[in-house]
Amino acid sequence: GWCPLSPTGAQTTQLLVEPPWRPAVLWDQVTLTCQGLGTASATTWYINEQSWGQKGVGNFTVTKSGNYMSERPGSGLSPPPPPGVTGPPCPTDQLVLQVPVWALLEGDTVTLRCRG
């Protein structure tokens, strides 16, 4: 997909989440992909606002919970996917209600997933 344009006309860095459900849960094997100007090797990843070991890769499978962001020179820091990845898996007496990651408008038909 295309990245939305910022007010100044420059592309911004975006995070894509697969599978496309929120909140994301670790047992879904969540993969994050950074999209923006420049090459994947220029990507810096942040978890909970701290730079961490995943540098120079455009995508990866998440292995721990947190709020993830990515950055590329020329397109800046991405907003985190709302909300961040959750986990580890909930105890069996807890459930997670998931909705699609795309924007929903009043009156839309939507499929919800109940995960536990």
C-alpha atoms as a PDB file:
ATOM      1  CA  GLY A   1       0.000   0.000   0.000  1.00  0.00           C
ATOM      2  CA  TRP A   2       0.907   3.659  -0.257  1.00  0.00           C
ATOM      3  CA  CYS A   3       2.132   5.577   2.760  1.00  0.00           C
ATOM      4  CA  PRO A   4       0.011   8.631   3.606  1.00  0.00           C
ATOM      5  CA  LEU A   5       1.636  11.975   2.932  1.00  0.00           C
ATOM      6  CA  SER A   6       2.598  14.308   5.724  1.00  0.00           C
ATOM      7  CA  PRO A   7       1.490  17.966   5.595  1.00  0.00           C
ATOM      8  CA  THR A   8       4.860  18.907   4.066  1.00  0.00           C
ATOM      9  CA  GLY A   9       4.410  16.379   1.249  1.00  0.00           C
ATOM     10  CA  ALA A  10       7.148  13.978   2.390  1.00  0.00           C
ATOM     11  CA  GLN A  11       6.439  10.295   2.877  1.00  0.00           C
ATOM     12  CA  THR A  12       6.236   9.113   6.462  1.00  0.00           C
ATOM     13  CA  THR A  13       7.401   5.816   7.907  1.00  0.00           C
ATOM     14  CA  GLN A  14       4.581   3.335   8.504  1.00  0.00           C
ATOM     15  CA  LEU A  15       4.333  -0.022  10.287  1.00  0.00           C
ATOM     16  CA  LEU A  16       2.329  -2.824   8.695  1.00  0.00           C
ATOM     17  CA  VAL A  17       1.057  -5.576  11.002  1.00  0.00           C
ATOM     18  CA  GLU A  18       0.358  -9.143   9.868  1.00  0.00           C
ATOM     19  CA  PRO A  19      -2.045 -10.707  10.619  1.00  0.00           C
ATOM     20  CA  PRO A  20      -4.165  -7.542  10.363  1.00  0.00           C
ATOM     21  CA  TRP A  21      -5.932  -7.715  13.766  1.00  0.00           C
ATOM     22  CA  ARG A  22      -5.688  -5.559  16.866  1.00  0.00           C
ATOM     23  CA  PRO A  23      -4.731  -5.900  19.538  1.00  0.00           C
ATOM     24  CA  ALA A  24      -1.998  -8.074  18.051  1.00  0.00           C
ATOM     25  CA  VAL A  25      -1.166 -11.148  20.133  1.00  0.00           C
ATOM     26  CA  LEU A  26       2.099 -13.054  20.128  1.00  0.00           C
ATOM     27  CA  TRP A  27       0.507 -16.437  19.525  1.00  0.00           C
ATOM     28  CA  ASP A  28      -0.584 -15.163  16.083  1.00  0.00           C
ATOM     29  CA  GLN A  29       3.093 -14.994  14.982  1.00  0.00           C
ATOM     30  CA  VAL A  30       2.882 -11.229  14.444  1.00  0.00           C
ATOM     31  CA  THR A  31       5.150  -9.818  11.745  1.00  0.00           C
ATOM     32  CA  LEU A  32       5.962  -6.102  11.560  1.00  0.00           C
ATOM     33  CA  THR A  33       7.108  -4.464   8.332  1.00  0.00           C
ATOM     34  CA  CYS A  34       8.621  -0.973   8.140  1.00  0.00           C
ATOM     35  CA  GLN A  35       7.718   1.041   5.047  1.00  0.00           C
ATOM     36  CA  GLY A  36       9.218   4.385   4.166  1.00  0.00           C
ATOM     37  CA  LEU A  37      11.889   6.120   2.146  1.00  0.00           C
ATOM     38  CA  GLY A  38      15.271   4.438   1.844  1.00  0.00           C
ATOM     39  CA  THR A  39      16.249   0.796   2.021  1.00  0.00           C
ATOM     40  CA  ALA A  40      15.438  -1.828   4.630  1.00  0.00           C
ATOM     41  CA  SER A  41      19.096  -1.812   5.719  1.00  0.00           C
ATOM     42  CA  ALA A  42      18.617   1.772   6.962  1.00  0.00           C
ATOM     43  CA  THR A  43      15.780   0.764   9.341  1.00  0.00           C
ATOM     44  CA  THR A  44      16.148   1.292  13.094  1.00  0.00           C
ATOM     45  CA  TRP A  45      13.620  -0.465  15.369  1.00  0.00           C
ATOM     46  CA  TYR A  46      12.403   0.711  18.777  1.00  0.00           C
ATOM     47  CA  ILE A  47      10.547  -1.173  21.487  1.00  0.00           C
ATOM     48  CA  ASN A  48       8.959   0.882  24.276  1.00  0.00           C
ATOM     49  CA  GLU A  49      10.768   3.971  22.882  1.00  0.00           C
ATOM     50  CA  GLN A  50      14.235   2.363  23.204  1.00  0.00           C
ATOM     51  CA  SER A  51      16.441   1.365  20.276  1.00  0.00           C
ATOM     52  CA  TRP A  52      17.128  -2.369  20.255  1.00  0.00           C
ATOM     53  CA  GLY A  53      19.005  -5.105  18.397  1.00  0.00           C
ATOM     54  CA  GLN A  54      16.811  -5.380  15.278  1.00  0.00           C
ATOM     55  CA  LYS A  55      18.631  -2.930  13.018  1.00  0.00           C
ATOM     56  CA  GLY A  56      18.953  -3.009   9.270  1.00  0.00           C
ATOM     57  CA  VAL A  57      15.989  -5.321   8.664  1.00  0.00           C
ATOM     58  CA  GLY A  58      12.713  -4.271   7.049  1.00  0.00           C
ATOM     59  CA  ASN A  59      10.518  -6.812   8.821  1.00  0.00           C
ATOM     60  CA  PHE A  60      10.620  -9.414  11.579  1.00  0.00           C
ATOM     61  CA  THR A  61       8.428 -11.668  13.705  1.00  0.00           C
ATOM     62  CA  VAL A  62       7.706 -10.249  17.151  1.00  0.00           C
ATOM     63  CA  THR A  63       8.834 -12.386  20.092  1.00  0.00           C
ATOM     64  CA  LYS A  64       7.950 -10.188  23.070  1.00  0.00           C
ATOM     65  CA  SER A  65       5.242  -7.740  24.015  1.00  0.00           C
ATOM     66  CA  GLY A  66       5.696  -3.993  23.773  1.00  0.00           C
ATOM     67  CA  ASN A  67       5.074  -0.888  21.700  1.00  0.00           C
ATOM     68  CA  TYR A  68       7.068  -1.047  18.478  1.00  0.00           C
ATOM     69  CA  MET A  69       8.155   1.778  16.174  1.00  0.00           C
ATOM     70  CA  SER A  70      10.530   1.956  13.234  1.00  0.00           C
ATOM     71  CA  GLU A  71      12.593   4.754  11.723  1.00  0.00           C
ATOM     72  CA  ARG A  72      14.196   5.386   8.353  1.00  0.00           C
ATOM     73  CA  PRO A  73      16.342   8.349   7.330  1.00  0.00           C
ATOM     74  CA  GLY A  74      14.300  10.767   5.254  1.00  0.00           C
ATOM     75  CA  SER A  75      10.879   9.606   6.448  1.00  0.00           C
ATOM     76  CA  GLY A  76      11.263   9.706  10.226  1.00  0.00           C
ATOM     77  CA  LEU A  77       9.827   7.707  13.093  1.00  0.00           C
ATOM     78  CA  SER A  78       6.652   5.692  12.605  1.00  0.00           C
ATOM     79  CA  PRO A  79       3.711   5.842  14.968  1.00  0.00           C
ATOM     80  CA  PRO A  80       3.294   2.543  16.851  1.00  0.00           C
ATOM     81  CA  PRO A  81       0.578   0.209  15.620  1.00  0.00           C
ATOM     82  CA  PRO A  82      -2.399   0.915  17.904  1.00  0.00           C
ATOM     83  CA  PRO A  83      -2.112  -0.679  20.394  1.00  0.00           C
ATOM     84  CA  GLY A  84       1.277  -2.407  20.678  1.00  0.00           C
ATOM     85  CA  VAL A  85       1.677  -6.157  20.493  1.00  0.00           C
ATOM     86  CA  THR A  86       0.354  -7.904  23.593  1.00  0.00           C
ATOM     87  CA  GLY A  87       1.445 -11.136  25.198  1.00  0.00           C
ATOM     88  CA  PRO A  88       2.738 -13.556  26.130  1.00  0.00           C
ATOM     89  CA  PRO A  89      -0.441 -15.610  25.658  1.00  0.00           C
ATOM     90  CA  CYS A  90      -3.125 -14.853  28.216  1.00  0.00           C
ATOM     91  CA  PRO A  91      -3.966 -17.402  30.908  1.00  0.00           C
ATOM     92  CA  THR A  92      -6.787 -19.717  29.821  1.00  0.00           C
ATOM     93  CA  ASP A  93      -9.389 -17.758  31.812  1.00  0.00           C
ATOM     94  CA  GLN A  94      -8.768 -14.534  29.829  1.00  0.00           C
ATOM     95  CA  LEU A  95     -10.007 -13.623  26.347  1.00  0.00           C
ATOM     96  CA  VAL A  96      -8.917 -11.054  23.779  1.00  0.00           C
ATOM     97  CA  LEU A  97     -11.448  -9.419  21.453  1.00  0.00           C
ATOM     98  CA  GLN A  98      -9.793  -8.476  18.150  1.00  0.00           C
ATOM     99  CA  VAL A  99     -10.922  -6.103  15.404  1.00  0.00           C
ATOM    100  CA  PRO A 100      -9.425  -5.471  11.931  1.00  0.00           C
ATOM    101  CA  VAL A 101      -6.575  -2.927  11.889  1.00  0.00           C
ATOM    102  CA  TRP A 102      -8.109  -0.771   9.161  1.00  0.00           C
ATOM    103  CA  ALA A 103     -10.230   2.244  10.041  1.00  0.00           C
ATOM    104  CA  LEU A 104     -13.911   1.554  10.691  1.00  0.00           C
ATOM    105  CA  LEU A 105     -16.790   3.949  10.181  1.00  0.00           C
ATOM    106  CA  GLU A 106     -20.182   3.931  11.870  1.00  0.00           C
ATOM    107  CA  GLY A 107     -22.479   1.562   9.999  1.00  0.00           C
ATOM    108  CA  ASP A 108     -19.669  -0.660   8.671  1.00  0.00           C
ATOM    109  CA  THR A 109     -20.076  -4.412   8.948  1.00  0.00           C
ATOM    110  CA  VAL A 110     -17.113  -5.855  10.804  1.00  0.00           C
ATOM    111  CA  THR A 111     -15.922  -9.315  11.811  1.00  0.00           C
ATOM    112  CA  LEU A 112     -14.686  -9.623  15.397  1.00  0.00           C
ATOM    113  CA  ARG A 113     -12.438 -12.394  16.684  1.00  0.00           C
ATOM    114  CA  CYS A 114     -12.535 -13.674  20.259  1.00  0.00           C
ATOM    115  CA  ARG A 115      -9.206 -15.279  21.133  1.00  0.00           C
ATOM    116  CA  GLY A 116      -8.145 -17.064  24.280  1.00  0.00           C
END
